Amino acid sequence: MLLGASIQPDHRGEPWFEDGNIVVLTEDIDSDVTVAFKLHRGVLARHSEVFQSMFELPSPDATDVEVAEGCQVVRMHDRPTELSALVRALYDGAIFQHRGIEDFYHVAGILRLSTKYFIAHLRRQAIRHLLETWPHTLRGHDQFIERAVKAPLVGDLTYPYVHPLHVLNLARETHVDIVVPSALYFLSLYNLDDILRGDHPKLLVEHPSRPSGQLSPRDLQDYTLMFQHRITVVLDFIRTNCSARQACPQCTEQKGTCQRAFVRLGTRLSRSWVVRTGPLHYMVQAIDELADDPTICRPCRRAFKHDIMALREKIWSELPGVIGLPSWEELEKMDMA
């Protein structure tokens, strides 16, 4: 019992409000250091029914109540850095950025605790932020690729600075299914032996909020399904939509000229694709390459672009189903409600 005890300054966490009416103690499981936060019972309780239950005033004759700084003490079992981030978000509003891997760990901590304590608005904000990088729309995917091409290194790490395996494991841990298809799609660009070895620089950054870097048996299966699907999509695109493509009905070139151009495109693509090829971006590159071919007529170029853009939409819409998840629309209803 800490009756009348005071918290030493070096054990005080941020935030610490002198006019607070409850002291929250949490222990860092890595260093066994106890960190205290002096907070306002009402502020926390209004955001979470779990907090409201935890912070209920004890009966006047209770003998087992810990007191410090003249306030009731509540012990919690969360990482101090994550609890600090959660509390500051409740008081000041959440600020999520994407400047480097530390920003991912910040959102990971808030997502964990907002899920644990049923703080719906913070959970939705954290998910929305993740979706800016690990998208649920084809437009978001294309913006991701554009940023990845242009973004500079940060701490020797390439954009998006965090490994998709960490994103996948965070999504599993916090039951955020809407992030899973995109995370697995980009994870499937990595060779399995590299993933199992676990020595990628992005997996080795130390941080208390770092998710697991291990591929679970469930996700090994989903990774395999996504990997095989991605390769099949690339090969079908080259064979069916390029090499075997016919000239459009409005073709203005001599018979067979545009068709031969499609065959040449298919041959070039067959030689250039590699195991790590992402089909959705590869299709855009094919459209751009065909646009520079002077031997193909404008109507055939236009028809090719229209058909391939529609194919990309179809592939994206079917992505969750590859791993047995419902549609993007259903996932959005489930995770963003």
C-alpha atoms as a PDB file:
ATOM      1  CA  MET A   1       0.000   0.000   0.000  1.00  0.00           C
ATOM      2  CA  LEU A   2       1.353   3.413  -0.997  1.00  0.00           C
ATOM      3  CA  LEU A   3      -0.664   5.448   1.512  1.00  0.00           C
ATOM      4  CA  GLY A   4       0.542   9.043   1.376  1.00  0.00           C
ATOM      5  CA  ALA A   5       3.499   8.175  -0.852  1.00  0.00           C
ATOM      6  CA  SER A   6       4.860  10.610  -3.399  1.00  0.00           C
ATOM      7  CA  ILE A   7       6.187   9.737  -6.838  1.00  0.00           C
ATOM      8  CA  GLN A   8       9.814  10.648  -7.427  1.00  0.00           C
ATOM      9  CA  PRO A   9      10.394  12.993 -10.386  1.00  0.00           C
ATOM     10  CA  ASP A  10      12.388  10.383 -12.326  1.00  0.00           C
ATOM     11  CA  HIS A  11       9.396   8.028 -12.202  1.00  0.00           C
ATOM     12  CA  ARG A  12       6.917  10.590 -13.446  1.00  0.00           C
ATOM     13  CA  GLY A  13       5.761  10.085 -17.015  1.00  0.00           C
ATOM     14  CA  GLU A  14       4.435  12.571 -19.515  1.00  0.00           C
ATOM     15  CA  PRO A  15       1.794  13.849 -19.133  1.00  0.00           C
ATOM     16  CA  TRP A  16       1.784  14.653 -15.428  1.00  0.00           C
ATOM     17  CA  PHE A  17      -0.876  17.097 -14.243  1.00  0.00           C
ATOM     18  CA  GLU A  18      -0.427  18.566 -10.778  1.00  0.00           C
ATOM     19  CA  ASP A  19      -4.204  19.031 -10.505  1.00  0.00           C
ATOM     20  CA  GLY A  20      -4.880  15.445 -11.561  1.00  0.00           C
ATOM     21  CA  ASN A  21      -7.057  13.218  -9.356  1.00  0.00           C
ATOM     22  CA  ILE A  22      -5.806   9.746 -10.238  1.00  0.00           C
ATOM     23  CA  VAL A  23      -2.347   8.195 -10.535  1.00  0.00           C
ATOM     24  CA  VAL A  24      -1.832   5.503 -13.152  1.00  0.00           C
ATOM     25  CA  LEU A  25       1.163   3.223 -12.606  1.00  0.00           C
ATOM     26  CA  THR A  26       2.546   1.042 -15.347  1.00  0.00           C
ATOM     27  CA  GLU A  27       5.704  -1.026 -15.430  1.00  0.00           C
ATOM     28  CA  ASP A  28       8.131  -1.248 -18.327  1.00  0.00           C
ATOM     29  CA  ILE A  29       8.417  -5.008 -18.834  1.00  0.00           C
ATOM     30  CA  ASP A  30      11.819  -4.627 -20.492  1.00  0.00           C
ATOM     31  CA  SER A  31      13.502  -2.567 -17.759  1.00  0.00           C
ATOM     32  CA  ASP A  32      11.272  -3.230 -14.701  1.00  0.00           C
ATOM     33  CA  VAL A  33      10.956   0.541 -14.288  1.00  0.00           C
ATOM     34  CA  THR A  34       7.623   1.776 -12.944  1.00  0.00           C
ATOM     35  CA  VAL A  35       6.308   4.952 -14.552  1.00  0.00           C
ATOM     36  CA  ALA A  36       3.477   7.029 -13.079  1.00  0.00           C
ATOM     37  CA  PHE A  37       1.051   9.408 -14.772  1.00  0.00           C
ATOM     38  CA  LYS A  38      -1.039  11.860 -12.764  1.00  0.00           C
ATOM     39  CA  LEU A  39      -4.208  12.335 -14.762  1.00  0.00           C
ATOM     40  CA  HIS A  40      -7.853  13.338 -14.594  1.00  0.00           C
ATOM     41  CA  ARG A  41     -10.287  10.533 -13.948  1.00  0.00           C
ATOM     42  CA  GLY A  42     -13.141  12.188 -15.852  1.00  0.00           C
ATOM     43  CA  VAL A  43     -11.108  12.917 -18.981  1.00  0.00           C
ATOM     44  CA  LEU A  44     -10.106   9.280 -19.387  1.00  0.00           C
ATOM     45  CA  ALA A  45     -13.454   7.801 -18.355  1.00  0.00           C
ATOM     46  CA  ARG A  46     -15.418   9.821 -20.926  1.00  0.00           C
ATOM     47  CA  HIS A  47     -13.432   8.189 -23.743  1.00  0.00           C
ATOM     48  CA  SER A  48     -13.575   4.581 -22.569  1.00  0.00           C
ATOM     49  CA  GLU A  49     -16.043   2.471 -20.614  1.00  0.00           C
ATOM     50  CA  VAL A  50     -13.096   0.252 -19.675  1.00  0.00           C
ATOM     51  CA  PHE A  51     -11.364   3.214 -18.069  1.00  0.00           C
ATOM     52  CA  GLN A  52     -14.620   4.224 -16.418  1.00  0.00           C
ATOM     53  CA  SER A  53     -14.861   0.823 -14.737  1.00  0.00           C
ATOM     54  CA  MET A  54     -11.211   0.821 -13.742  1.00  0.00           C
ATOM     55  CA  PHE A  55     -11.369   4.273 -12.221  1.00  0.00           C
ATOM     56  CA  GLU A  56     -14.540   3.873 -10.169  1.00  0.00           C
ATOM     57  CA  LEU A  57     -14.222   5.479  -6.773  1.00  0.00           C
ATOM     58  CA  PRO A  58     -13.601   2.952  -3.980  1.00  0.00           C
ATOM     59  CA  SER A  59     -16.015   2.661  -1.093  1.00  0.00           C
ATOM     60  CA  PRO A  60     -15.172   4.832   1.967  1.00  0.00           C
ATOM     61  CA  ASP A  61     -14.305   1.815   4.124  1.00  0.00           C
ATOM     62  CA  ALA A  62     -12.027   0.142   1.563  1.00  0.00           C
ATOM     63  CA  THR A  63      -8.698  -0.887   3.098  1.00  0.00           C
ATOM     64  CA  ASP A  64      -6.832  -2.166   0.071  1.00  0.00           C
ATOM     65  CA  VAL A  65      -6.706   1.069  -1.952  1.00  0.00           C
ATOM     66  CA  GLU A  66      -3.293   2.344  -2.957  1.00  0.00           C
ATOM     67  CA  VAL A  67      -2.809   6.087  -2.678  1.00  0.00           C
ATOM     68  CA  ALA A  68      -0.033   8.300  -4.010  1.00  0.00           C
ATOM     69  CA  GLU A  69       0.170  12.060  -4.380  1.00  0.00           C
ATOM     70  CA  GLY A  70      -3.136  12.146  -2.501  1.00  0.00           C
ATOM     71  CA  CYS A  71      -4.860  10.244  -5.319  1.00  0.00           C
ATOM     72  CA  GLN A  72      -6.136   6.741  -5.890  1.00  0.00           C
ATOM     73  CA  VAL A  73      -3.577   4.571  -7.689  1.00  0.00           C
ATOM     74  CA  VAL A  74      -4.578   2.339 -10.580  1.00  0.00           C
ATOM     75  CA  ARG A  75      -2.062  -0.193 -11.849  1.00  0.00           C
ATOM     76  CA  MET A  76      -2.010  -0.989 -15.548  1.00  0.00           C
ATOM     77  CA  HIS A  77       0.024  -3.409 -17.599  1.00  0.00           C
ATOM     78  CA  ASP A  78       0.950  -1.431 -20.695  1.00  0.00           C
ATOM     79  CA  ARG A  79       4.216  -0.176 -22.124  1.00  0.00           C
ATOM     80  CA  PRO A  80       4.852   3.308 -20.655  1.00  0.00           C
ATOM     81  CA  THR A  81       5.656   4.768 -24.084  1.00  0.00           C
ATOM     82  CA  GLU A  82       2.380   3.486 -25.512  1.00  0.00           C
ATOM     83  CA  LEU A  83       0.299   4.571 -22.544  1.00  0.00           C
ATOM     84  CA  SER A  84       1.895   8.000 -22.695  1.00  0.00           C
ATOM     85  CA  ALA A  85       1.083   8.301 -26.402  1.00  0.00           C
ATOM     86  CA  LEU A  86      -2.507   7.173 -25.828  1.00  0.00           C
ATOM     87  CA  VAL A  87      -3.123   9.610 -22.991  1.00  0.00           C
ATOM     88  CA  ARG A  88      -1.618  12.529 -24.879  1.00  0.00           C
ATOM     89  CA  ALA A  89      -3.831  11.673 -27.859  1.00  0.00           C
ATOM     90  CA  LEU A  90      -6.909  11.719 -25.576  1.00  0.00           C
ATOM     91  CA  TYR A  91      -6.000  15.100 -24.125  1.00  0.00           C
ATOM     92  CA  ASP A  92      -4.552  16.858 -27.174  1.00  0.00           C
ATOM     93  CA  GLY A  93      -5.804  14.863 -30.147  1.00  0.00           C
ATOM     94  CA  ALA A  94      -3.863  12.295 -32.136  1.00  0.00           C
ATOM     95  CA  ILE A  95      -1.127  13.464 -34.496  1.00  0.00           C
ATOM     96  CA  PHE A  96      -0.002  10.810 -36.966  1.00  0.00           C
ATOM     97  CA  GLN A  97       2.817  11.435 -39.412  1.00  0.00           C
ATOM     98  CA  HIS A  98       4.908   9.427 -41.814  1.00  0.00           C
ATOM     99  CA  ARG A  99       8.442  10.781 -41.596  1.00  0.00           C
ATOM    100  CA  GLY A 100      10.164   7.513 -40.695  1.00  0.00           C
ATOM    101  CA  ILE A 101       9.865   4.213 -38.868  1.00  0.00           C
ATOM    102  CA  GLU A 102       9.412   5.888 -35.454  1.00  0.00           C
ATOM    103  CA  ASP A 103       6.107   7.300 -36.658  1.00  0.00           C
ATOM    104  CA  PHE A 104       4.901   3.789 -37.453  1.00  0.00           C
ATOM    105  CA  TYR A 105       5.748   2.622 -33.931  1.00  0.00           C
ATOM    106  CA  HIS A 106       3.828   5.606 -32.550  1.00  0.00           C
ATOM    107  CA  VAL A 107       0.652   4.678 -34.425  1.00  0.00           C
ATOM    108  CA  ALA A 108       1.198   0.999 -33.532  1.00  0.00           C
ATOM    109  CA  GLY A 109       1.144   1.821 -29.824  1.00  0.00           C
ATOM    110  CA  ILE A 110      -1.993   3.934 -30.069  1.00  0.00           C
ATOM    111  CA  LEU A 111      -3.739   1.321 -32.220  1.00  0.00           C
ATOM    112  CA  ARG A 112      -2.932  -1.397 -29.678  1.00  0.00           C
ATOM    113  CA  LEU A 113      -4.246   0.484 -26.675  1.00  0.00           C
ATOM    114  CA  SER A 114      -7.232   2.092 -28.379  1.00  0.00           C
ATOM    115  CA  THR A 115      -8.230  -1.439 -29.376  1.00  0.00           C
ATOM    116  CA  LYS A 116      -7.599  -2.823 -25.887  1.00  0.00           C
ATOM    117  CA  TYR A 117      -9.569  -0.068 -24.154  1.00  0.00           C
ATOM    118  CA  PHE A 118     -12.322   0.237 -26.784  1.00  0.00           C
ATOM    119  CA  ILE A 119     -11.559   3.845 -27.724  1.00  0.00           C
ATOM    120  CA  ALA A 120     -13.309   3.761 -31.074  1.00  0.00           C
ATOM    121  CA  HIS A 121     -12.460   7.204 -32.453  1.00  0.00           C
ATOM    122  CA  LEU A 122      -8.715   6.812 -31.839  1.00  0.00           C
ATOM    123  CA  ARG A 123      -8.748   3.326 -33.331  1.00  0.00           C
ATOM    124  CA  ARG A 124     -10.435   4.637 -36.480  1.00  0.00           C
ATOM    125  CA  GLN A 125      -7.919   7.477 -36.744  1.00  0.00           C
ATOM    126  CA  ALA A 126      -5.012   5.059 -36.430  1.00  0.00           C
ATOM    127  CA  ILE A 127      -6.499   2.745 -39.073  1.00  0.00           C
ATOM    128  CA  ARG A 128      -7.092   5.651 -41.457  1.00  0.00           C
ATOM    129  CA  HIS A 129      -3.464   6.632 -41.064  1.00  0.00           C
ATOM    130  CA  LEU A 130      -2.282   3.094 -41.829  1.00  0.00           C
ATOM    131  CA  LEU A 131      -4.506   3.053 -44.919  1.00  0.00           C
ATOM    132  CA  GLU A 132      -2.666   6.080 -46.287  1.00  0.00           C
ATOM    133  CA  THR A 133       0.355   3.826 -46.710  1.00  0.00           C
ATOM    134  CA  TRP A 134      -1.160   0.333 -46.809  1.00  0.00           C
ATOM    135  CA  PRO A 135      -4.165   1.158 -48.978  1.00  0.00           C
ATOM    136  CA  HIS A 136      -7.596  -0.349 -49.519  1.00  0.00           C
ATOM    137  CA  THR A 137      -8.146   1.408 -52.861  1.00  0.00           C
ATOM    138  CA  LEU A 138      -6.356   1.145 -56.196  1.00  0.00           C
ATOM    139  CA  ARG A 139      -5.849   4.904 -56.162  1.00  0.00           C
ATOM    140  CA  GLY A 140      -4.150   4.530 -52.803  1.00  0.00           C
ATOM    141  CA  HIS A 141      -1.925   1.788 -54.225  1.00  0.00           C
ATOM    142  CA  ASP A 142      -0.864   4.014 -57.116  1.00  0.00           C
ATOM    143  CA  GLN A 143      -0.101   6.885 -54.751  1.00  0.00           C
ATOM    144  CA  PHE A 144       1.939   4.495 -52.589  1.00  0.00           C
ATOM    145  CA  ILE A 145       4.067   3.506 -55.602  1.00  0.00           C
ATOM    146  CA  GLU A 146       4.519   7.130 -56.655  1.00  0.00           C
ATOM    147  CA  ARG A 147       5.724   8.108 -53.177  1.00  0.00           C
ATOM    148  CA  ALA A 148       8.004   5.067 -52.984  1.00  0.00           C
ATOM    149  CA  VAL A 149       9.724   6.077 -56.223  1.00  0.00           C
ATOM    150  CA  LYS A 150      10.277   9.680 -55.120  1.00  0.00           C
ATOM    151  CA  ALA A 151      10.818   9.458 -51.342  1.00  0.00           C
ATOM    152  CA  PRO A 152      14.355   9.835 -49.967  1.00  0.00           C
ATOM    153  CA  LEU A 153      16.047   7.416 -47.599  1.00  0.00           C
ATOM    154  CA  VAL A 154      15.362   8.039 -43.917  1.00  0.00           C
ATOM    155  CA  GLY A 155      17.938   6.502 -41.603  1.00  0.00           C
ATOM    156  CA  ASP A 156      19.115   4.302 -44.513  1.00  0.00           C
ATOM    157  CA  LEU A 157      15.579   2.886 -44.821  1.00  0.00           C
ATOM    158  CA  THR A 158      13.547   3.137 -48.020  1.00  0.00           C
ATOM    159  CA  TYR A 159       9.933   4.241 -48.160  1.00  0.00           C
ATOM    160  CA  PRO A 160       7.623   3.171 -46.553  1.00  0.00           C
ATOM    161  CA  TYR A 161      10.350   2.742 -43.876  1.00  0.00           C
ATOM    162  CA  VAL A 162       8.530  -0.144 -42.164  1.00  0.00           C
ATOM    163  CA  HIS A 163       8.584  -3.777 -43.291  1.00  0.00           C
ATOM    164  CA  PRO A 164       5.207  -5.152 -44.476  1.00  0.00           C
ATOM    165  CA  LEU A 165       5.638  -8.109 -42.095  1.00  0.00           C
ATOM    166  CA  HIS A 166       5.498  -5.711 -39.127  1.00  0.00           C
ATOM    167  CA  VAL A 167       2.384  -4.091 -40.603  1.00  0.00           C
ATOM    168  CA  LEU A 168       0.781  -7.490 -41.152  1.00  0.00           C
ATOM    169  CA  ASN A 169       1.501  -8.655 -37.611  1.00  0.00           C
ATOM    170  CA  LEU A 170       0.206  -5.393 -36.134  1.00  0.00           C
ATOM    171  CA  ALA A 171      -2.993  -5.793 -38.166  1.00  0.00           C
ATOM    172  CA  ARG A 172      -3.424  -9.357 -36.928  1.00  0.00           C
ATOM    173  CA  GLU A 173      -2.698  -8.352 -33.331  1.00  0.00           C
ATOM    174  CA  THR A 174      -5.289  -5.569 -33.389  1.00  0.00           C
ATOM    175  CA  HIS A 175      -7.856  -7.328 -35.618  1.00  0.00           C
ATOM    176  CA  VAL A 176      -7.629  -4.778 -38.454  1.00  0.00           C
ATOM    177  CA  ASP A 177      -8.468  -6.908 -41.478  1.00  0.00           C
ATOM    178  CA  ILE A 178      -8.712  -4.036 -43.960  1.00  0.00           C
ATOM    179  CA  VAL A 179      -4.916  -3.594 -43.903  1.00  0.00           C
ATOM    180  CA  VAL A 180      -4.134  -7.303 -44.390  1.00  0.00           C
ATOM    181  CA  PRO A 181      -4.583  -7.715 -48.194  1.00  0.00           C
ATOM    182  CA  SER A 182      -2.354  -4.760 -49.010  1.00  0.00           C
ATOM    183  CA  ALA A 183       0.295  -5.760 -46.462  1.00  0.00           C
ATOM    184  CA  LEU A 184       0.340  -9.314 -47.834  1.00  0.00           C
ATOM    185  CA  TYR A 185       0.457  -8.080 -51.438  1.00  0.00           C
ATOM    186  CA  PHE A 186       3.595  -6.072 -50.736  1.00  0.00           C
ATOM    187  CA  LEU A 187       5.020  -8.794 -48.488  1.00  0.00           C
ATOM    188  CA  SER A 188       4.686 -11.213 -51.418  1.00  0.00           C
ATOM    189  CA  LEU A 189       7.278  -9.102 -53.245  1.00  0.00           C
ATOM    190  CA  TYR A 190       9.859 -10.469 -50.766  1.00  0.00           C
ATOM    191  CA  ASN A 191      11.368 -13.930 -51.200  1.00  0.00           C
ATOM    192  CA  LEU A 192      10.275 -16.385 -48.525  1.00  0.00           C
ATOM    193  CA  ASP A 193      13.831 -17.248 -47.482  1.00  0.00           C
ATOM    194  CA  ASP A 194      14.503 -13.541 -46.850  1.00  0.00           C
ATOM    195  CA  ILE A 195      11.387 -13.287 -44.683  1.00  0.00           C
ATOM    196  CA  LEU A 196      12.230 -16.406 -42.677  1.00  0.00           C
ATOM    197  CA  ARG A 197      15.811 -15.251 -42.188  1.00  0.00           C
ATOM    198  CA  GLY A 198      14.466 -12.059 -40.615  1.00  0.00           C
ATOM    199  CA  ASP A 199      17.584  -9.981 -41.149  1.00  0.00           C
ATOM    200  CA  HIS A 200      16.113  -7.155 -43.225  1.00  0.00           C
ATOM    201  CA  PRO A 201      17.199  -3.783 -41.734  1.00  0.00           C
ATOM    202  CA  LYS A 202      13.571  -2.739 -41.279  1.00  0.00           C
ATOM    203  CA  LEU A 203      12.936  -5.816 -39.136  1.00  0.00           C
ATOM    204  CA  LEU A 204      15.942  -5.133 -36.902  1.00  0.00           C
ATOM    205  CA  VAL A 205      15.118  -1.616 -35.678  1.00  0.00           C
ATOM    206  CA  GLU A 206      14.691  -1.860 -31.915  1.00  0.00           C
ATOM    207  CA  HIS A 207      11.638  -0.244 -30.332  1.00  0.00           C
ATOM    208  CA  PRO A 208       9.266  -1.178 -27.479  1.00  0.00           C
ATOM    209  CA  SER A 209       6.299  -1.017 -29.844  1.00  0.00           C
ATOM    210  CA  ARG A 210       7.835  -3.140 -32.583  1.00  0.00           C
ATOM    211  CA  PRO A 211       5.418  -5.882 -33.721  1.00  0.00           C
ATOM    212  CA  SER A 212       6.554  -9.452 -34.181  1.00  0.00           C
ATOM    213  CA  GLY A 213       8.952 -10.095 -37.049  1.00  0.00           C
ATOM    214  CA  GLN A 214       7.930 -13.745 -37.393  1.00  0.00           C
ATOM    215  CA  LEU A 215       5.649 -15.097 -40.113  1.00  0.00           C
ATOM    216  CA  SER A 216       2.865 -17.093 -38.452  1.00  0.00           C
ATOM    217  CA  PRO A 217       1.719 -20.432 -39.914  1.00  0.00           C
ATOM    218  CA  ARG A 218      -1.561 -18.792 -40.927  1.00  0.00           C
ATOM    219  CA  ASP A 219       0.222 -16.006 -42.748  1.00  0.00           C
ATOM    220  CA  LEU A 220       2.722 -18.367 -44.329  1.00  0.00           C
ATOM    221  CA  GLN A 221      -0.263 -19.905 -46.091  1.00  0.00           C
ATOM    222  CA  ASP A 222      -1.716 -16.511 -47.049  1.00  0.00           C
ATOM    223  CA  TYR A 223       1.698 -15.286 -48.214  1.00  0.00           C
ATOM    224  CA  THR A 224       1.971 -18.342 -50.473  1.00  0.00           C
ATOM    225  CA  LEU A 225      -1.498 -17.782 -51.914  1.00  0.00           C
ATOM    226  CA  MET A 226      -0.743 -14.109 -52.584  1.00  0.00           C
ATOM    227  CA  PHE A 227       2.682 -14.901 -54.061  1.00  0.00           C
ATOM    228  CA  GLN A 228       1.225 -17.468 -56.466  1.00  0.00           C
ATOM    229  CA  HIS A 229      -1.670 -15.169 -57.358  1.00  0.00           C
ATOM    230  CA  ARG A 230       0.681 -12.294 -58.155  1.00  0.00           C
ATOM    231  CA  ILE A 231       2.823 -14.427 -60.479  1.00  0.00           C
ATOM    232  CA  THR A 232      -0.266 -15.828 -62.219  1.00  0.00           C
ATOM    233  CA  VAL A 233      -1.639 -12.322 -62.779  1.00  0.00           C
ATOM    234  CA  VAL A 234       1.643 -11.149 -64.334  1.00  0.00           C
ATOM    235  CA  LEU A 235       1.896 -14.118 -66.696  1.00  0.00           C
ATOM    236  CA  ASP A 236      -1.781 -13.977 -67.707  1.00  0.00           C
ATOM    237  CA  PHE A 237      -1.432 -10.273 -68.436  1.00  0.00           C
ATOM    238  CA  ILE A 238       1.579 -10.800 -70.700  1.00  0.00           C
ATOM    239  CA  ARG A 239       0.142 -13.793 -72.544  1.00  0.00           C
ATOM    240  CA  THR A 240      -3.532 -12.876 -72.827  1.00  0.00           C
ATOM    241  CA  ASN A 241      -3.625  -9.078 -72.794  1.00  0.00           C
ATOM    242  CA  CYS A 242      -0.445  -8.408 -74.752  1.00  0.00           C
ATOM    243  CA  SER A 243       0.926 -11.256 -76.901  1.00  0.00           C
ATOM    244  CA  ALA A 244      -2.488 -12.614 -77.907  1.00  0.00           C
ATOM    245  CA  ARG A 245      -4.260  -9.266 -78.185  1.00  0.00           C
ATOM    246  CA  GLN A 246      -6.036  -8.390 -81.433  1.00  0.00           C
ATOM    247  CA  ALA A 247      -6.257  -4.973 -83.024  1.00  0.00           C
ATOM    248  CA  CYS A 248      -9.346  -3.017 -82.038  1.00  0.00           C
ATOM    249  CA  PRO A 249     -12.313  -2.688 -84.437  1.00  0.00           C
ATOM    250  CA  GLN A 250     -11.419   0.970 -85.080  1.00  0.00           C
ATOM    251  CA  CYS A 251      -7.779   0.165 -86.026  1.00  0.00           C
ATOM    252  CA  THR A 252      -6.440   2.549 -88.666  1.00  0.00           C
ATOM    253  CA  GLU A 253      -3.206   0.742 -89.548  1.00  0.00           C
ATOM    254  CA  GLN A 254      -2.660  -1.909 -92.197  1.00  0.00           C
ATOM    255  CA  LYS A 255      -3.931  -5.357 -91.271  1.00  0.00           C
ATOM    256  CA  GLY A 256      -1.704  -7.031 -88.712  1.00  0.00           C
ATOM    257  CA  THR A 257       0.480  -3.992 -87.944  1.00  0.00           C
ATOM    258  CA  CYS A 258      -0.980  -3.242 -84.505  1.00  0.00           C
ATOM    259  CA  GLN A 259      -1.300  -6.911 -83.673  1.00  0.00           C
ATOM    260  CA  ARG A 260       2.427  -7.359 -84.334  1.00  0.00           C
ATOM    261  CA  ALA A 261       3.088  -4.422 -82.012  1.00  0.00           C
ATOM    262  CA  PHE A 262       1.179  -6.209 -79.233  1.00  0.00           C
ATOM    263  CA  VAL A 263       3.243  -9.350 -79.859  1.00  0.00           C
ATOM    264  CA  ARG A 264       6.457  -7.328 -79.578  1.00  0.00           C
ATOM    265  CA  LEU A 265       5.217  -5.770 -76.347  1.00  0.00           C
ATOM    266  CA  GLY A 266       4.446  -9.217 -74.933  1.00  0.00           C
ATOM    267  CA  THR A 267       7.908 -10.454 -75.904  1.00  0.00           C
ATOM    268  CA  ARG A 268       9.618  -7.507 -74.208  1.00  0.00           C
ATOM    269  CA  LEU A 269       7.547  -7.930 -71.073  1.00  0.00           C
ATOM    270  CA  SER A 270       8.233 -11.671 -70.985  1.00  0.00           C
ATOM    271  CA  ARG A 271      11.940 -10.921 -70.906  1.00  0.00           C
ATOM    272  CA  SER A 272      11.815  -8.111 -68.371  1.00  0.00           C
ATOM    273  CA  TRP A 273       9.555  -9.366 -65.574  1.00  0.00           C
ATOM    274  CA  VAL A 274      11.117 -10.826 -62.434  1.00  0.00           C
ATOM    275  CA  VAL A 275       9.761 -12.673 -59.403  1.00  0.00           C
ATOM    276  CA  ARG A 276       9.406  -9.400 -57.483  1.00  0.00           C
ATOM    277  CA  THR A 277       7.324  -7.728 -60.204  1.00  0.00           C
ATOM    278  CA  GLY A 278       4.182  -6.068 -58.885  1.00  0.00           C
ATOM    279  CA  PRO A 279       1.527  -6.609 -61.593  1.00  0.00           C
ATOM    280  CA  LEU A 280      -0.520  -3.489 -60.895  1.00  0.00           C
ATOM    281  CA  HIS A 281       2.402  -1.127 -61.470  1.00  0.00           C
ATOM    282  CA  TYR A 282       3.754  -3.335 -64.268  1.00  0.00           C
ATOM    283  CA  MET A 283       0.523  -2.812 -66.201  1.00  0.00           C
ATOM    284  CA  VAL A 284       0.882   0.961 -65.971  1.00  0.00           C
ATOM    285  CA  GLN A 285       4.443   0.665 -67.274  1.00  0.00           C
ATOM    286  CA  ALA A 286       3.152  -1.428 -70.197  1.00  0.00           C
ATOM    287  CA  ILE A 287       0.599   1.266 -71.053  1.00  0.00           C
ATOM    288  CA  ASP A 288       3.364   3.888 -71.016  1.00  0.00           C
ATOM    289  CA  GLU A 289       5.637   1.707 -73.157  1.00  0.00           C
ATOM    290  CA  LEU A 290       2.944   1.116 -75.745  1.00  0.00           C
ATOM    291  CA  ALA A 291       2.195   4.836 -75.856  1.00  0.00           C
ATOM    292  CA  ASP A 292       5.764   5.407 -77.108  1.00  0.00           C
ATOM    293  CA  ASP A 293       5.462   2.860 -79.938  1.00  0.00           C
ATOM    294  CA  PRO A 294       4.914   4.782 -83.203  1.00  0.00           C
ATOM    295  CA  THR A 295       3.899   1.618 -85.090  1.00  0.00           C
ATOM    296  CA  ILE A 296       0.567   1.258 -83.292  1.00  0.00           C
ATOM    297  CA  CYS A 297      -2.426   3.413 -84.074  1.00  0.00           C
ATOM    298  CA  ARG A 298      -4.108   5.748 -81.632  1.00  0.00           C
ATOM    299  CA  PRO A 299      -7.427   3.809 -81.407  1.00  0.00           C
ATOM    300  CA  CYS A 300      -5.544   0.599 -80.497  1.00  0.00           C
ATOM    301  CA  ARG A 301      -3.459   2.426 -77.908  1.00  0.00           C
ATOM    302  CA  ARG A 302      -6.591   3.986 -76.441  1.00  0.00           C
ATOM    303  CA  ALA A 303      -8.446   0.657 -76.356  1.00  0.00           C
ATOM    304  CA  PHE A 304      -5.456  -1.071 -74.741  1.00  0.00           C
ATOM    305  CA  LYS A 305      -5.232   1.547 -72.013  1.00  0.00           C
ATOM    306  CA  HIS A 306      -8.983   1.358 -71.338  1.00  0.00           C
ATOM    307  CA  ASP A 307      -8.944  -2.422 -71.085  1.00  0.00           C
ATOM    308  CA  ILE A 308      -5.851  -2.612 -68.889  1.00  0.00           C
ATOM    309  CA  MET A 309      -7.099   0.048 -66.492  1.00  0.00           C
ATOM    310  CA  ALA A 310     -10.354  -1.939 -66.156  1.00  0.00           C
ATOM    311  CA  LEU A 311      -8.299  -5.102 -65.576  1.00  0.00           C
ATOM    312  CA  ARG A 312      -6.343  -3.385 -62.807  1.00  0.00           C
ATOM    313  CA  GLU A 313      -9.604  -2.411 -61.094  1.00  0.00           C
ATOM    314  CA  LYS A 314     -10.799  -6.017 -61.316  1.00  0.00           C
ATOM    315  CA  ILE A 315      -7.543  -7.409 -59.914  1.00  0.00           C
ATOM    316  CA  TRP A 316      -7.627  -4.951 -57.033  1.00  0.00           C
ATOM    317  CA  SER A 317     -11.255  -5.659 -56.198  1.00  0.00           C
ATOM    318  CA  GLU A 318     -10.496  -9.393 -56.031  1.00  0.00           C
ATOM    319  CA  LEU A 319      -7.383  -9.038 -53.855  1.00  0.00           C
ATOM    320  CA  PRO A 320      -9.047  -9.701 -50.446  1.00  0.00           C
ATOM    321  CA  GLY A 321     -10.699 -12.836 -51.808  1.00  0.00           C
ATOM    322  CA  VAL A 322      -7.300 -14.338 -52.649  1.00  0.00           C
ATOM    323  CA  ILE A 323      -6.772 -14.907 -48.927  1.00  0.00           C
ATOM    324  CA  GLY A 324     -10.392 -15.634 -48.061  1.00  0.00           C
ATOM    325  CA  LEU A 325     -11.432 -12.179 -46.842  1.00  0.00           C
ATOM    326  CA  PRO A 326     -14.668 -10.382 -47.812  1.00  0.00           C
ATOM    327  CA  SER A 327     -14.743  -7.456 -50.237  1.00  0.00           C
ATOM    328  CA  TRP A 328     -13.026  -4.141 -49.590  1.00  0.00           C
ATOM    329  CA  GLU A 329     -16.439  -2.603 -48.940  1.00  0.00           C
ATOM    330  CA  GLU A 330     -17.269  -5.201 -46.291  1.00  0.00           C
ATOM    331  CA  LEU A 331     -13.842  -4.803 -44.682  1.00  0.00           C
ATOM    332  CA  GLU A 332     -14.375  -1.053 -44.497  1.00  0.00           C
ATOM    333  CA  LYS A 333     -17.742  -1.547 -42.778  1.00  0.00           C
ATOM    334  CA  MET A 334     -16.185  -3.979 -40.299  1.00  0.00           C
ATOM    335  CA  ASP A 335     -13.117  -1.957 -39.361  1.00  0.00           C
ATOM    336  CA  MET A 336     -14.237   1.649 -39.774  1.00  0.00           C
ATOM    337  CA  ALA A 337     -17.705   1.517 -38.213  1.00  0.00           C
END
